[in-house]
Amino acid sequence: MAAPAQSAYVDGLGASVSGSTLARSRGGIETTTETMTLNGSVDHNTDNHVVTGSNLIDGGAFSGAVGLPTVIQNTGNNVLIQTGVIVNVQFKP
């Protein structure tokens, strides 16, 4: 039989707990299915003699960012950009 694991302290997280404590505290297993359908089109567009710009994300662009930062960049013309995010967060006692 294996010896019980020693408790360890991790800076910023605190003391570790046993596997049995974790087993009693877990949230369980649940499967969720989310669907997102994006339907867009770009048709019959014409550009002549156009100049496009450039995109730059600087090293500090996300400094202090919280949540779910998203970046969408486009340097083209007649472009359809579709994006979506599904976030499923459940808190149960």
N, C-alpha and C. Protein backbone atom coordinates (compact mmCIF):
# COMPACT_ATOMS: atom_id res chain seq x y z
N MET A 1 0.85 -1.17 0.00
CA MET A 1 0.00 0.00 0.00
C MET A 1 0.89 1.23 0.00
N ALA A 2 0.54 2.22 -0.85
CA ALA A 2 1.34 3.43 -0.96
C ALA A 2 1.12 4.33 0.24
N ALA A 3 2.17 5.03 0.60
CA ALA A 3 2.07 5.97 1.72
C ALA A 3 1.24 7.17 1.29
N PRO A 4 0.46 7.75 2.20
CA PRO A 4 -0.32 8.93 1.83
C PRO A 4 0.58 10.07 1.41
N ALA A 5 0.12 10.83 0.44
CA ALA A 5 0.91 11.96 -0.05
C ALA A 5 1.00 13.03 1.02
N GLN A 6 2.17 13.66 1.07
CA GLN A 6 2.39 14.74 2.01
C GLN A 6 1.70 16.01 1.50
N SER A 7 1.15 16.78 2.41
CA SER A 7 0.55 18.05 2.06
C SER A 7 1.67 19.02 1.67
N ALA A 8 1.43 19.79 0.66
CA ALA A 8 2.43 20.76 0.21
C ALA A 8 1.79 22.14 0.17
N TYR A 9 2.61 23.15 0.33
CA TYR A 9 2.13 24.53 0.25
C TYR A 9 2.69 25.14 -1.02
N VAL A 10 1.81 25.76 -1.81
CA VAL A 10 2.23 26.40 -3.05
C VAL A 10 1.94 27.89 -2.92
N ASP A 11 2.98 28.71 -3.09
CA ASP A 11 2.81 30.16 -2.99
C ASP A 11 1.69 30.62 -3.92
N GLY A 12 0.79 31.41 -3.39
CA GLY A 12 -0.31 31.95 -4.18
C GLY A 12 -1.52 31.05 -4.24
N LEU A 13 -1.34 29.75 -3.93
CA LEU A 13 -2.47 28.81 -3.97
C LEU A 13 -2.81 28.25 -2.60
N GLY A 14 -1.84 28.15 -1.73
CA GLY A 14 -2.08 27.61 -0.40
C GLY A 14 -1.71 26.14 -0.31
N ALA A 15 -2.26 25.48 0.71
CA ALA A 15 -1.93 24.08 0.97
C ALA A 15 -2.70 23.15 0.03
N SER A 16 -2.04 22.07 -0.38
CA SER A 16 -2.71 21.08 -1.22
C SER A 16 -3.66 20.25 -0.36
N VAL A 17 -4.61 19.59 -1.01
CA VAL A 17 -5.56 18.74 -0.31
C VAL A 17 -5.46 17.33 -0.86
N SER A 18 -6.02 16.40 -0.12
CA SER A 18 -5.94 14.99 -0.52
C SER A 18 -6.89 14.70 -1.69
N GLY A 19 -6.64 13.57 -2.33
CA GLY A 19 -7.51 13.14 -3.42
C GLY A 19 -8.93 12.90 -2.95
N SER A 20 -9.10 12.38 -1.75
CA SER A 20 -10.46 12.13 -1.24
C SER A 20 -11.20 13.45 -0.99
N THR A 21 -10.49 14.47 -0.55
CA THR A 21 -11.12 15.79 -0.38
C THR A 21 -11.56 16.34 -1.73
N LEU A 22 -10.72 16.19 -2.74
CA LEU A 22 -11.08 16.64 -4.08
C LEU A 22 -12.29 15.88 -4.61
N ALA A 23 -12.33 14.57 -4.37
CA ALA A 23 -13.45 13.75 -4.84
C ALA A 23 -14.77 14.21 -4.24
N ARG A 24 -14.76 14.63 -2.99
CA ARG A 24 -15.99 15.11 -2.34
C ARG A 24 -16.37 16.51 -2.81
N SER A 25 -15.43 17.25 -3.37
CA SER A 25 -15.68 18.64 -3.73
C SER A 25 -15.94 18.86 -5.21
N ARG A 26 -15.77 17.86 -6.02
CA ARG A 26 -15.90 18.07 -7.47
C ARG A 26 -17.34 18.33 -7.87
N GLY A 27 -17.49 18.97 -9.00
CA GLY A 27 -18.81 19.38 -9.46
C GLY A 27 -19.58 18.31 -10.18
N GLY A 28 -18.93 17.24 -10.58
CA GLY A 28 -19.62 16.18 -11.31
C GLY A 28 -19.35 16.26 -12.79
N ILE A 29 -20.08 15.45 -13.52
CA ILE A 29 -19.88 15.37 -14.96
C ILE A 29 -21.19 15.69 -15.65
N GLU A 30 -21.13 16.61 -16.58
CA GLU A 30 -22.32 16.95 -17.36
C GLU A 30 -21.85 17.34 -18.75
N THR A 31 -22.54 16.88 -19.74
CA THR A 31 -22.20 17.21 -21.11
C THR A 31 -23.22 18.21 -21.64
N THR A 32 -22.72 19.29 -22.20
CA THR A 32 -23.59 20.27 -22.84
C THR A 32 -23.22 20.37 -24.31
N THR A 33 -24.20 20.64 -25.12
CA THR A 33 -23.97 20.81 -26.55
C THR A 33 -24.51 22.17 -26.96
N GLU A 34 -23.68 22.97 -27.52
CA GLU A 34 -24.06 24.30 -27.99
C GLU A 34 -23.81 24.36 -29.49
N THR A 35 -24.67 25.04 -30.19
CA THR A 35 -24.53 25.15 -31.64
C THR A 35 -24.62 26.62 -32.04
N MET A 36 -23.75 27.03 -32.90
CA MET A 36 -23.80 28.39 -33.44
C MET A 36 -23.73 28.27 -34.96
N THR A 37 -24.67 28.87 -35.63
CA THR A 37 -24.69 28.85 -37.08
C THR A 37 -24.54 30.27 -37.59
N LEU A 38 -23.52 30.50 -38.37
CA LEU A 38 -23.27 31.82 -38.96
C LEU A 38 -23.41 31.69 -40.47
N ASN A 39 -24.33 32.44 -41.03
CA ASN A 39 -24.56 32.39 -42.48
C ASN A 39 -24.43 33.78 -43.05
N GLY A 40 -23.41 34.00 -43.79
CA GLY A 40 -23.21 35.30 -44.42
C GLY A 40 -22.67 35.11 -45.82
N SER A 41 -22.77 36.15 -46.60
CA SER A 41 -22.22 36.06 -47.95
C SER A 41 -21.75 37.44 -48.41
N VAL A 42 -20.81 37.42 -49.30
CA VAL A 42 -20.33 38.63 -49.95
C VAL A 42 -20.46 38.36 -51.45
N ASP A 43 -21.35 39.08 -52.09
CA ASP A 43 -21.62 38.82 -53.51
C ASP A 43 -21.62 40.11 -54.31
N HIS A 44 -21.23 40.01 -55.55
CA HIS A 44 -21.34 41.08 -56.54
C HIS A 44 -20.63 42.37 -56.10
N ASN A 45 -19.51 42.24 -55.44
CA ASN A 45 -18.75 43.42 -55.01
C ASN A 45 -17.61 43.66 -55.99
N THR A 46 -17.29 44.91 -56.19
CA THR A 46 -16.19 45.27 -57.09
C THR A 46 -15.39 46.39 -56.44
N ASP A 47 -14.08 46.25 -56.49
CA ASP A 47 -13.18 47.30 -56.03
C ASP A 47 -12.19 47.61 -57.13
N ASN A 48 -11.90 48.88 -57.29
CA ASN A 48 -10.92 49.30 -58.28
C ASN A 48 -9.96 50.28 -57.65
N HIS A 49 -8.69 50.04 -57.81
CA HIS A 49 -7.64 50.95 -57.35
C HIS A 49 -7.78 51.27 -55.86
N VAL A 50 -7.93 50.25 -55.07
CA VAL A 50 -8.09 50.45 -53.63
C VAL A 50 -6.75 50.26 -52.92
N VAL A 51 -6.62 50.91 -51.82
CA VAL A 51 -5.43 50.77 -50.98
C VAL A 51 -5.91 50.28 -49.62
N THR A 52 -5.28 49.25 -49.13
CA THR A 52 -5.67 48.74 -47.81
C THR A 52 -4.59 49.10 -46.80
N GLY A 53 -4.98 49.09 -45.55
CA GLY A 53 -4.05 49.44 -44.49
C GLY A 53 -3.36 48.22 -43.93
N SER A 54 -2.76 48.41 -42.79
CA SER A 54 -2.09 47.30 -42.12
C SER A 54 -2.62 47.18 -40.70
N ASN A 55 -2.46 46.03 -40.12
CA ASN A 55 -2.90 45.78 -38.76
C ASN A 55 -1.69 45.54 -37.87
N LEU A 56 -1.75 46.04 -36.68
CA LEU A 56 -0.66 45.84 -35.73
C LEU A 56 -1.25 45.64 -34.35
N ILE A 57 -0.82 44.59 -33.71
CA ILE A 57 -1.16 44.40 -32.31
C ILE A 57 0.15 44.57 -31.55
N ASP A 58 0.24 45.65 -30.79
CA ASP A 58 1.44 45.99 -30.06
C ASP A 58 1.63 45.07 -28.86
N GLY A 59 2.82 45.03 -28.34
CA GLY A 59 3.14 44.19 -27.20
C GLY A 59 2.31 44.48 -25.97
N GLY A 60 1.81 45.68 -25.81
CA GLY A 60 1.00 46.03 -24.64
C GLY A 60 -0.49 46.08 -24.93
N ALA A 61 -0.92 45.56 -26.08
CA ALA A 61 -2.31 45.67 -26.48
C ALA A 61 -3.28 45.03 -25.49
N PHE A 62 -2.86 43.97 -24.82
CA PHE A 62 -3.75 43.28 -23.90
C PHE A 62 -3.36 43.53 -22.45
N SER A 63 -2.54 44.52 -22.22
CA SER A 63 -2.12 44.83 -20.86
C SER A 63 -3.33 45.21 -20.02
N GLY A 64 -3.55 44.49 -18.95
CA GLY A 64 -4.67 44.76 -18.06
C GLY A 64 -5.99 44.21 -18.56
N ALA A 65 -5.97 43.42 -19.63
CA ALA A 65 -7.21 42.87 -20.17
C ALA A 65 -7.80 41.85 -19.21
N VAL A 66 -9.11 41.82 -19.13
CA VAL A 66 -9.82 40.83 -18.31
C VAL A 66 -10.95 40.24 -19.14
N GLY A 67 -11.47 39.13 -18.70
CA GLY A 67 -12.58 38.51 -19.41
C GLY A 67 -12.09 37.67 -20.57
N LEU A 68 -12.75 37.79 -21.71
CA LEU A 68 -12.40 37.03 -22.91
C LEU A 68 -12.06 37.99 -24.05
N PRO A 69 -10.85 38.53 -24.06
CA PRO A 69 -10.49 39.47 -25.12
C PRO A 69 -10.54 38.81 -26.49
N THR A 70 -11.04 39.53 -27.46
CA THR A 70 -11.15 39.01 -28.82
C THR A 70 -10.57 40.04 -29.78
N VAL A 71 -9.86 39.55 -30.78
CA VAL A 71 -9.30 40.44 -31.79
C VAL A 71 -9.77 39.97 -33.16
N ILE A 72 -10.30 40.90 -33.93
CA ILE A 72 -10.66 40.61 -35.31
C ILE A 72 -9.98 41.68 -36.16
N GLN A 73 -9.19 41.24 -37.12
CA GLN A 73 -8.48 42.19 -37.97
C GLN A 73 -8.82 41.93 -39.43
N ASN A 74 -8.85 43.00 -40.20
CA ASN A 74 -9.15 42.89 -41.61
C ASN A 74 -8.37 43.95 -42.37
N THR A 75 -7.57 43.53 -43.31
CA THR A 75 -6.87 44.49 -44.16
C THR A 75 -7.36 44.42 -45.60
N GLY A 76 -8.39 43.63 -45.85
CA GLY A 76 -8.87 43.46 -47.21
C GLY A 76 -10.08 44.31 -47.52
N ASN A 77 -10.63 44.06 -48.68
CA ASN A 77 -11.82 44.75 -49.13
C ASN A 77 -12.88 43.71 -49.46
N ASN A 78 -14.12 44.08 -49.29
CA ASN A 78 -15.24 43.18 -49.58
C ASN A 78 -15.10 41.87 -48.81
N VAL A 79 -14.85 42.00 -47.55
CA VAL A 79 -14.63 40.83 -46.71
C VAL A 79 -15.77 40.70 -45.72
N LEU A 80 -16.25 39.50 -45.56
CA LEU A 80 -17.25 39.20 -44.54
C LEU A 80 -16.54 38.51 -43.38
N ILE A 81 -16.65 39.11 -42.21
CA ILE A 81 -16.04 38.51 -41.02
C ILE A 81 -17.17 38.12 -40.08
N GLN A 82 -17.22 36.86 -39.76
CA GLN A 82 -18.21 36.36 -38.81
C GLN A 82 -17.46 35.68 -37.67
N THR A 83 -17.87 35.99 -36.48
CA THR A 83 -17.22 35.38 -35.32
C THR A 83 -18.27 35.16 -34.25
N GLY A 84 -18.02 34.21 -33.42
CA GLY A 84 -18.94 33.94 -32.33
C GLY A 84 -18.23 33.21 -31.20
N VAL A 85 -18.71 33.40 -30.01
CA VAL A 85 -18.13 32.74 -28.84
C VAL A 85 -19.27 32.21 -28.00
N ILE A 86 -19.19 30.97 -27.61
CA ILE A 86 -20.15 30.40 -26.67
C ILE A 86 -19.39 30.08 -25.40
N VAL A 87 -19.83 30.65 -24.30
CA VAL A 87 -19.21 30.40 -23.00
C VAL A 87 -20.28 29.81 -22.09
N ASN A 88 -20.02 28.65 -21.59
CA ASN A 88 -20.95 28.00 -20.67
C ASN A 88 -20.28 27.86 -19.33
N VAL A 89 -20.74 28.62 -18.36
CA VAL A 89 -20.17 28.57 -17.01
C VAL A 89 -21.29 28.20 -16.06
N GLN A 90 -21.06 27.18 -15.26
CA GLN A 90 -22.06 26.76 -14.30
C GLN A 90 -21.44 26.76 -12.91
N PHE A 91 -22.14 27.35 -11.97
CA PHE A 91 -21.72 27.34 -10.57
C PHE A 91 -22.82 26.63 -9.80
N LYS A 92 -22.45 25.55 -9.15
CA LYS A 92 -23.42 24.78 -8.38
C LYS A 92 -22.92 24.61 -6.95
N PRO A 93 -23.82 24.66 -5.99
CA PRO A 93 -23.38 24.48 -4.59
C PRO A 93 -22.93 23.05 -4.34
